[in-house]
C-alpha atoms as a PDB file:
ATOM      1  CA  MET A   1       0.000   0.000   0.000  1.00  0.00           C
ATOM      2  CA  LYS A   2       1.381   3.407  -1.012  1.00  0.00           C
ATOM      3  CA  TYR A   3       0.173   6.634   0.584  1.00  0.00           C
ATOM      4  CA  LEU A   4       2.287   9.253  -1.190  1.00  0.00           C
ATOM      5  CA  ASP A   5       1.898   9.908  -4.899  1.00  0.00           C
ATOM      6  CA  LEU A   6       5.606  10.276  -5.567  1.00  0.00           C
ATOM      7  CA  GLU A   7       5.090  11.300  -9.188  1.00  0.00           C
ATOM      8  CA  GLN A   8       3.062  14.309  -8.045  1.00  0.00           C
ATOM      9  CA  LEU A   9       5.713  15.237  -5.493  1.00  0.00           C
ATOM     10  CA  ARG A  10       8.592  14.849  -7.921  1.00  0.00           C
ATOM     11  CA  ALA A  11       6.726  17.019 -10.431  1.00  0.00           C
ATOM     12  CA  ILE A  12       6.926  20.059  -8.120  1.00  0.00           C
ATOM     13  CA  ASP A  13       9.307  22.569  -9.709  1.00  0.00           C
ATOM     14  CA  SER A  14      11.727  23.672  -6.981  1.00  0.00           C
ATOM     15  CA  VAL A  15      12.720  26.856  -8.842  1.00  0.00           C
ATOM     16  CA  ALA A  16       9.093  27.902  -9.384  1.00  0.00           C
ATOM     17  CA  LEU A  17       8.249  27.065  -5.770  1.00  0.00           C
ATOM     18  CA  ARG A  18      11.099  29.142  -4.361  1.00  0.00           C
ATOM     19  CA  SER A  19      10.071  32.022  -6.653  1.00  0.00           C
ATOM     20  CA  GLN A  20       6.477  32.024  -5.433  1.00  0.00           C
ATOM     21  CA  LYS A  21       5.206  35.211  -3.795  1.00  0.00           C
ATOM     22  CA  PRO A  22       4.968  36.401  -1.093  1.00  0.00           C
ATOM     23  CA  TYR A  23       7.136  33.412  -0.085  1.00  0.00           C
ATOM     24  CA  PRO A  24       7.482  29.796  -1.257  1.00  0.00           C
ATOM     25  CA  TRP A  25       4.165  27.910  -1.049  1.00  0.00           C
ATOM     26  CA  ILE A  26       2.138  25.430  -3.076  1.00  0.00           C
ATOM     27  CA  ASN A  27      -1.324  23.935  -2.478  1.00  0.00           C
ATOM     28  CA  PRO A  28      -1.500  20.773  -4.624  1.00  0.00           C
ATOM     29  CA  GLN A  29      -4.308  18.272  -5.090  1.00  0.00           C
ATOM     30  CA  GLY A  30      -3.620  14.553  -4.826  1.00  0.00           C
ATOM     31  CA  ILE A  31      -0.257  14.345  -3.061  1.00  0.00           C
ATOM     32  CA  LEU A  32      -1.768  11.334  -1.310  1.00  0.00           C
ATOM     33  CA  THR A  33      -3.104   8.434  -3.344  1.00  0.00           C
ATOM     34  CA  GLU A  34      -6.910   8.320  -3.211  1.00  0.00           C
ATOM     35  CA  GLU A  35      -6.889   4.958  -1.440  1.00  0.00           C
ATOM     36  CA  GLY A  36      -4.269   6.197   0.996  1.00  0.00           C
ATOM     37  CA  PHE A  37      -6.202   9.396   1.714  1.00  0.00           C
ATOM     38  CA  GLN A  38      -9.381   7.446   2.487  1.00  0.00           C
ATOM     39  CA  LEU A  39      -7.577   4.959   4.754  1.00  0.00           C
ATOM     40  CA  LEU A  40      -5.893   7.749   6.703  1.00  0.00           C
ATOM     41  CA  ARG A  41      -9.102   9.764   6.983  1.00  0.00           C
ATOM     42  CA  GLU A  42     -11.055   6.749   8.245  1.00  0.00           C
ATOM     43  CA  SER A  43      -8.389   5.930  10.860  1.00  0.00           C
ATOM     44  CA  LEU A  44      -7.545   9.388  12.229  1.00  0.00           C
ATOM     45  CA  PRO A  45      -6.418   9.267  15.871  1.00  0.00           C
ATOM     46  CA  PRO A  46      -9.237   9.589  18.442  1.00  0.00           C
ATOM     47  CA  LEU A  47      -9.615  12.840  20.344  1.00  0.00           C
ATOM     48  CA  THR A  48      -8.891  10.973  23.588  1.00  0.00           C
ATOM     49  CA  LEU A  49      -5.196  10.904  22.636  1.00  0.00           C
ATOM     50  CA  PHE A  50      -5.005  14.676  22.228  1.00  0.00           C
ATOM     51  CA  SER A  51      -3.961  17.414  24.650  1.00  0.00           C
ATOM     52  CA  SER A  52      -5.926  20.631  25.053  1.00  0.00           C
ATOM     53  CA  GLN A  53      -4.081  23.779  24.047  1.00  0.00           C
ATOM     54  CA  PHE A  54      -6.373  26.691  24.777  1.00  0.00           C
ATOM     55  CA  GLY A  55      -5.501  30.117  26.104  1.00  0.00           C
ATOM     56  CA  VAL A  56      -1.741  29.493  25.938  1.00  0.00           C
ATOM     57  CA  ALA A  57       0.137  32.798  25.882  1.00  0.00           C
ATOM     58  CA  ARG A  58       2.214  33.418  22.764  1.00  0.00           C
ATOM     59  CA  ARG A  59       5.196  35.644  22.154  1.00  0.00           C
ATOM     60  CA  TYR A  60       4.944  39.187  20.847  1.00  0.00           C
ATOM     61  CA  GLN A  61       1.357  39.577  22.201  1.00  0.00           C
ATOM     62  CA  GLN A  62      -0.062  37.334  19.493  1.00  0.00           C
ATOM     63  CA  GLN A  63      -3.405  35.691  20.240  1.00  0.00           C
ATOM     64  CA  SER A  64      -3.372  32.102  21.499  1.00  0.00           C
ATOM     65  CA  HIS A  65      -3.669  29.297  18.931  1.00  0.00           C
ATOM     66  CA  ASP A  66      -6.517  27.276  20.432  1.00  0.00           C
ATOM     67  CA  ARG A  67      -6.869  23.612  19.424  1.00  0.00           C
ATOM     68  CA  PHE A  68      -6.392  20.003  20.448  1.00  0.00           C
ATOM     69  CA  THR A  69      -2.902  18.711  19.636  1.00  0.00           C
ATOM     70  CA  LEU A  70      -1.217  15.334  19.332  1.00  0.00           C
ATOM     71  CA  GLU A  71       2.525  14.994  18.795  1.00  0.00           C
ATOM     72  CA  TYR A  72       3.804  11.815  17.198  1.00  0.00           C
ATOM     73  CA  HIS A  73       6.323   9.539  18.903  1.00  0.00           C
ATOM     74  CA  ASP A  74       7.267   5.983  18.060  1.00  0.00           C
ATOM     75  CA  GLY A  75       5.315   4.466  20.945  1.00  0.00           C
ATOM     76  CA  LEU A  76       2.070   6.280  20.084  1.00  0.00           C
ATOM     77  CA  ASP A  77      -0.941   3.959  19.809  1.00  0.00           C
ATOM     78  CA  ILE A  78      -2.286   4.889  16.379  1.00  0.00           C
ATOM     79  CA  ALA A  79      -3.883   2.873  13.583  1.00  0.00           C
ATOM     80  CA  PRO A  80      -1.639   0.855  11.230  1.00  0.00           C
ATOM     81  CA  PRO A  81      -2.274   3.112   8.184  1.00  0.00           C
ATOM     82  CA  TRP A  82      -0.815   6.067  10.060  1.00  0.00           C
ATOM     83  CA  LYS A  83       2.248   4.084  11.111  1.00  0.00           C
ATOM     84  CA  GLU A  84       2.745   3.046   7.489  1.00  0.00           C
ATOM     85  CA  PHE A  85       2.292   6.622   6.244  1.00  0.00           C
ATOM     86  CA  ILE A  86       4.803   8.030   8.717  1.00  0.00           C
ATOM     87  CA  ALA A  87       7.249   5.295   7.715  1.00  0.00           C
ATOM     88  CA  GLU A  88       6.884   6.524   4.097  1.00  0.00           C
ATOM     89  CA  LEU A  89       7.507  10.103   5.195  1.00  0.00           C
ATOM     90  CA  ARG A  90      10.666   8.946   6.958  1.00  0.00           C
ATOM     91  CA  GLY A  91      11.761   6.969   3.895  1.00  0.00           C
ATOM     92  CA  GLY A  92      14.343   7.924   1.341  1.00  0.00           C
ATOM     93  CA  ASP A  93      11.921   9.016  -1.401  1.00  0.00           C
ATOM     94  CA  TYR A  94      10.136  11.720   0.597  1.00  0.00           C
ATOM     95  CA  GLN A  95      13.354  12.781   2.297  1.00  0.00           C
ATOM     96  CA  SER A  96      15.122  13.274  -1.039  1.00  0.00           C
ATOM     97  CA  ILE A  97      12.183  15.342  -2.335  1.00  0.00           C
ATOM     98  CA  VAL A  98      12.259  17.528   0.790  1.00  0.00           C
ATOM     99  CA  SER A  99      16.013  17.956   0.357  1.00  0.00           C
ATOM    100  CA  ARG A 100      15.612  18.998  -3.282  1.00  0.00           C
ATOM    101  CA  LEU A 101      12.782  21.440  -2.591  1.00  0.00           C
ATOM    102  CA  THR A 102      14.323  23.061   0.489  1.00  0.00           C
ATOM    103  CA  GLY A 103      17.924  22.951  -0.719  1.00  0.00           C
ATOM    104  CA  ASN A 104      18.963  21.376   2.594  1.00  0.00           C
ATOM    105  CA  ARG A 105      20.580  17.989   3.070  1.00  0.00           C
ATOM    106  CA  SER A 106      20.388  17.873   6.855  1.00  0.00           C
ATOM    107  CA  PHE A 107      16.985  18.242   8.477  1.00  0.00           C
ATOM    108  CA  GLU A 108      14.679  16.591  10.987  1.00  0.00           C
ATOM    109  CA  LEU A 109      11.030  15.726  10.389  1.00  0.00           C
ATOM    110  CA  LEU A 110       8.501  16.056  13.200  1.00  0.00           C
ATOM    111  CA  PHE A 111       4.829  15.086  12.978  1.00  0.00           C
ATOM    112  CA  HIS A 112       1.659  16.241  14.711  1.00  0.00           C
ATOM    113  CA  TRP A 113      -2.107  16.457  14.377  1.00  0.00           C
ATOM    114  CA  HIS A 114      -4.374  19.421  15.129  1.00  0.00           C
ATOM    115  CA  TYR A 115      -8.137  19.184  15.680  1.00  0.00           C
ATOM    116  CA  THR A 116      -9.793  22.595  16.015  1.00  0.00           C
ATOM    117  CA  PRO A 117     -13.388  23.305  17.139  1.00  0.00           C
ATOM    118  CA  SER A 118     -15.659  26.245  16.420  1.00  0.00           C
ATOM    119  CA  GLY A 119     -14.674  29.695  17.640  1.00  0.00           C
ATOM    120  CA  CYS A 120     -10.932  29.001  17.461  1.00  0.00           C
ATOM    121  CA  SER A 121      -8.343  30.515  15.150  1.00  0.00           C
ATOM    122  CA  VAL A 122      -4.636  30.681  14.371  1.00  0.00           C
ATOM    123  CA  SER A 123      -3.573  34.312  14.584  1.00  0.00           C
ATOM    124  CA  PRO A 124      -1.153  35.646  11.947  1.00  0.00           C
ATOM    125  CA  HIS A 125       2.392  34.594  12.766  1.00  0.00           C
ATOM    126  CA  CYS A 126       5.754  33.557  11.328  1.00  0.00           C
ATOM    127  CA  ASP A 127       7.194  30.222  12.374  1.00  0.00           C
ATOM    128  CA  ALA A 128      10.369  29.836  14.388  1.00  0.00           C
ATOM    129  CA  ARG A 129      13.594  30.462  12.461  1.00  0.00           C
ATOM    130  CA  ARG A 130      14.810  26.892  13.057  1.00  0.00           C
ATOM    131  CA  LYS A 131      11.875  25.579  10.980  1.00  0.00           C
ATOM    132  CA  LEU A 132      12.612  25.109   7.281  1.00  0.00           C
ATOM    133  CA  GLY A 133       8.973  24.611   6.382  1.00  0.00           C
ATOM    134  CA  SER A 134       5.745  22.684   6.884  1.00  0.00           C
ATOM    135  CA  HIS A 135       3.659  20.258   4.863  1.00  0.00           C
ATOM    136  CA  ILE A 136       0.028  20.395   6.003  1.00  0.00           C
ATOM    137  CA  PHE A 137      -2.347  17.584   4.987  1.00  0.00           C
ATOM    138  CA  TYR A 138      -6.077  18.424   5.223  1.00  0.00           C
ATOM    139  CA  PHE A 139      -8.547  15.691   6.208  1.00  0.00           C
ATOM    140  CA  ASN A 140     -11.941  17.389   6.043  1.00  0.00           C
ATOM    141  CA  THR A 141     -14.203  16.620   3.065  1.00  0.00           C
ATOM    142  CA  SER A 142     -17.643  17.662   1.863  1.00  0.00           C
ATOM    143  CA  GLU A 143     -19.032  14.844   4.026  1.00  0.00           C
ATOM    144  CA  ASP A 144     -18.135  16.641   7.254  1.00  0.00           C
ATOM    145  CA  TRP A 145     -17.234  20.224   6.347  1.00  0.00           C
ATOM    146  CA  ASP A 146     -18.831  23.247   4.694  1.00  0.00           C
ATOM    147  CA  PRO A 147     -16.251  25.665   3.191  1.00  0.00           C
ATOM    148  CA  ALA A 148     -18.341  28.521   4.616  1.00  0.00           C
ATOM    149  CA  TRP A 149     -17.115  27.465   8.062  1.00  0.00           C
ATOM    150  CA  GLY A 150     -13.521  28.424   7.181  1.00  0.00           C
ATOM    151  CA  GLY A 151     -10.513  26.240   7.899  1.00  0.00           C
ATOM    152  CA  GLU A 152      -8.191  27.424   5.132  1.00  0.00           C
ATOM    153  CA  THR A 153      -4.617  28.247   5.987  1.00  0.00           C
ATOM    154  CA  VAL A 154      -4.229  31.806   4.721  1.00  0.00           C
ATOM    155  CA  ILE A 155      -0.924  32.845   3.148  1.00  0.00           C
ATOM    156  CA  LEU A 156      -0.404  36.506   4.089  1.00  0.00           C
ATOM    157  CA  ASP A 157       1.581  39.217   2.318  1.00  0.00           C
ATOM    158  CA  ASP A 158       2.703  42.060   4.585  1.00  0.00           C
ATOM    159  CA  GLY A 159       4.521  43.940   1.808  1.00  0.00           C
ATOM    160  CA  GLY A 160       7.629  44.009   4.003  1.00  0.00           C
ATOM    161  CA  GLU A 161       5.845  46.023   6.655  1.00  0.00           C
ATOM    162  CA  PHE A 162       5.746  43.950   9.866  1.00  0.00           C
ATOM    163  CA  PRO A 163       8.673  42.561  11.875  1.00  0.00           C
ATOM    164  CA  TYR A 164       8.103  38.918  12.776  1.00  0.00           C
ATOM    165  CA  LYS A 165       8.168  39.941  16.451  1.00  0.00           C
ATOM    166  CA  SER A 166       4.785  41.640  16.160  1.00  0.00           C
ATOM    167  CA  ALA A 167       1.071  40.821  16.268  1.00  0.00           C
ATOM    168  CA  PRO A 168      -0.743  42.125  13.186  1.00  0.00           C
ATOM    169  CA  HIS A 169      -4.369  41.199  12.445  1.00  0.00           C
ATOM    170  CA  PHE A 170      -5.662  39.628   9.253  1.00  0.00           C
ATOM    171  CA  GLU A 171      -7.078  42.937   8.034  1.00  0.00           C
ATOM    172  CA  ASP A 172      -3.625  44.554   8.315  1.00  0.00           C
ATOM    173  CA  PHE A 173      -2.165  42.541   5.423  1.00  0.00           C
ATOM    174  CA  LYS A 174      -1.963  43.818   1.862  1.00  0.00           C
ATOM    175  CA  GLN A 175      -2.865  40.511   0.211  1.00  0.00           C
ATOM    176  CA  MET A 176      -4.256  37.155   1.358  1.00  0.00           C
ATOM    177  CA  PHE A 177      -4.113  33.804  -0.422  1.00  0.00           C
ATOM    178  CA  PRO A 178      -6.392  31.163   1.158  1.00  0.00           C
ATOM    179  CA  ALA A 179      -5.243  27.603   0.543  1.00  0.00           C
ATOM    180  CA  GLU A 180      -7.888  25.102  -0.527  1.00  0.00           C
ATOM    181  CA  ALA A 181      -8.385  22.849   2.467  1.00  0.00           C
ATOM    182  CA  GLN A 182     -10.942  20.178   1.573  1.00  0.00           C
ATOM    183  CA  GLY A 183     -10.481  16.731   0.164  1.00  0.00           C
ATOM    184  CA  ASN A 184      -7.100  15.379  -0.787  1.00  0.00           C
ATOM    185  CA  ARG A 185      -5.312  18.739  -0.565  1.00  0.00           C
ATOM    186  CA  SER A 186      -2.078  19.691   1.138  1.00  0.00           C
ATOM    187  CA  LEU A 187      -0.115  22.892   1.658  1.00  0.00           C
ATOM    188  CA  LEU A 188       3.677  23.006   1.497  1.00  0.00           C
ATOM    189  CA  PHE A 189       5.403  26.238   2.465  1.00  0.00           C
ATOM    190  CA  PHE A 190       8.868  27.341   3.520  1.00  0.00           C
ATOM    191  CA  THR A 191       9.843  29.574   6.410  1.00  0.00           C
ATOM    192  CA  THR A 192      11.271  33.011   5.651  1.00  0.00           C
ATOM    193  CA  GLN A 193      11.545  36.225   7.643  1.00  0.00           C
ATOM    194  CA  ARG A 194       8.106  37.180   6.307  1.00  0.00           C
ATOM    195  CA  SER A 195       6.274  33.850   5.978  1.00  0.00           C
ATOM    196  CA  TRP A 196       3.104  35.131   7.656  1.00  0.00           C
ATOM    197  CA  HIS A 197       0.140  32.740   7.781  1.00  0.00           C
ATOM    198  CA  GLY A 198      -2.880  31.948   9.914  1.00  0.00           C
ATOM    199  CA  VAL A 199      -6.388  30.473  10.064  1.00  0.00           C
ATOM    200  CA  ARG A 200      -9.442  32.673  10.550  1.00  0.00           C
ATOM    201  CA  THR A 201     -11.949  31.938  13.312  1.00  0.00           C
ATOM    202  CA  LEU A 202     -13.884  28.742  12.567  1.00  0.00           C
ATOM    203  CA  THR A 203     -17.696  28.912  12.463  1.00  0.00           C
ATOM    204  CA  CYS A 204     -18.505  25.188  12.258  1.00  0.00           C
ATOM    205  CA  PRO A 205     -21.396  23.817  14.356  1.00  0.00           C
ATOM    206  CA  PRO A 206     -20.782  21.670  17.463  1.00  0.00           C
ATOM    207  CA  GLY A 207     -19.491  18.213  16.684  1.00  0.00           C
ATOM    208  CA  HIS A 208     -17.360  19.340  13.738  1.00  0.00           C
ATOM    209  CA  MET A 209     -13.641  20.096  13.834  1.00  0.00           C
ATOM    210  CA  ARG A 210     -10.942  21.139  11.416  1.00  0.00           C
ATOM    211  CA  LYS A 211      -8.556  18.180  11.152  1.00  0.00           C
ATOM    212  CA  VAL A 212      -5.002  18.427   9.830  1.00  0.00           C
ATOM    213  CA  PHE A 213      -1.776  16.445   9.987  1.00  0.00           C
ATOM    214  CA  ILE A 214       1.441  18.447   9.760  1.00  0.00           C
ATOM    215  CA  VAL A 215       4.960  17.467   8.783  1.00  0.00           C
ATOM    216  CA  VAL A 216       7.431  19.948  10.277  1.00  0.00           C
ATOM    217  CA  MET A 217      10.821  20.278   8.597  1.00  0.00           C
ATOM    218  CA  ASN A 218      13.388  21.499  11.104  1.00  0.00           C
ATOM    219  CA  GLN A 219      16.999  22.450  10.634  1.00  0.00           C
ATOM    220  CA  ASN A 220      19.227  19.683  11.986  1.00  0.00           C
ATOM    221  CA  THR A 221      21.786  21.801  13.809  1.00  0.00           C
ATOM    222  CA  MET A 222      24.481  20.665  16.212  1.00  0.00           C
ATOM    223  CA  ALA A 223      22.377  21.998  19.101  1.00  0.00           C
ATOM    224  CA  ASP A 224      19.448  19.842  17.957  1.00  0.00           C
ATOM    225  CA  ARG A 225      21.658  16.759  17.777  1.00  0.00           C
ATOM    226  CA  VAL A 226      23.000  17.416  21.284  1.00  0.00           C
ATOM    227  CA  ARG A 227      19.437  17.738  22.637  1.00  0.00           C
ATOM    228  CA  ARG A 228      18.442  14.422  21.079  1.00  0.00           C
ATOM    229  CA  PHE A 229      21.600  12.744  22.439  1.00  0.00           C
ATOM    230  CA  PHE A 230      20.562  13.733  25.970  1.00  0.00           C
ATOM    231  CA  GLY A 231      16.932  12.715  25.390  1.00  0.00           C
ATOM    232  CA  GLU A 232      15.491  16.218  25.277  1.00  0.00           C
ATOM    233  CA  PRO A 233      12.474  16.809  23.009  1.00  0.00           C
ATOM    234  CA  SER A 234      12.979  18.470  19.661  1.00  0.00           C
ATOM    235  CA  ARG A 235      11.570  21.951  19.198  1.00  0.00           C
ATOM    236  CA  GLY A 236      10.051  23.704  16.255  1.00  0.00           C
ATOM    237  CA  TYR A 237       6.269  23.444  16.089  1.00  0.00           C
ATOM    238  CA  GLU A 238       5.786  27.214  16.267  1.00  0.00           C
END
């Protein structure tokens, strides 16, 4: 069973991606095989495994990013399709594609899920400098989600105006590019000094949640290797 459509991934033009404005991003359809997407969607981890992250203070006076979170580790009790998918992501094919697209040979992949209920949002922010980029896989479909409820990751263009140590609002940005976030869609973007993004407040009814799985691509620095040697957790989700 294959989960990644490697032909689709290999077809991504690294030069065009890095030239994208306001920073490198792409929102392709079908990066997962259709069978793989359905298996993963049907076997998403249960909410009972997740931790609540609500009202957590952020740096630079940015609003809290409220959601349920689950960080992957090798002992995590998840369904076999997810173990197989993560094994593919850790495999040589995906790793070589990440290396080609980012231009980095040494990096670390981290994995986590976010489930987000109504009334929550992700305020505009830039990710930590140690993060090379993120690959977000969306798992809502027309069966459980109305696009009118929101849920799109919004790529934001500040026109060079805001330092990353600030807390602008969505309406402060010059341009916005909402990623399509239903069905077998994913969003790949790279971290820059101005890679602003966020998710507007969700308006879904009770019982519905925005569900995403995120691959984080971190720089693999000497400090990171020392932390792992001493058993300290890796950093780089924000």
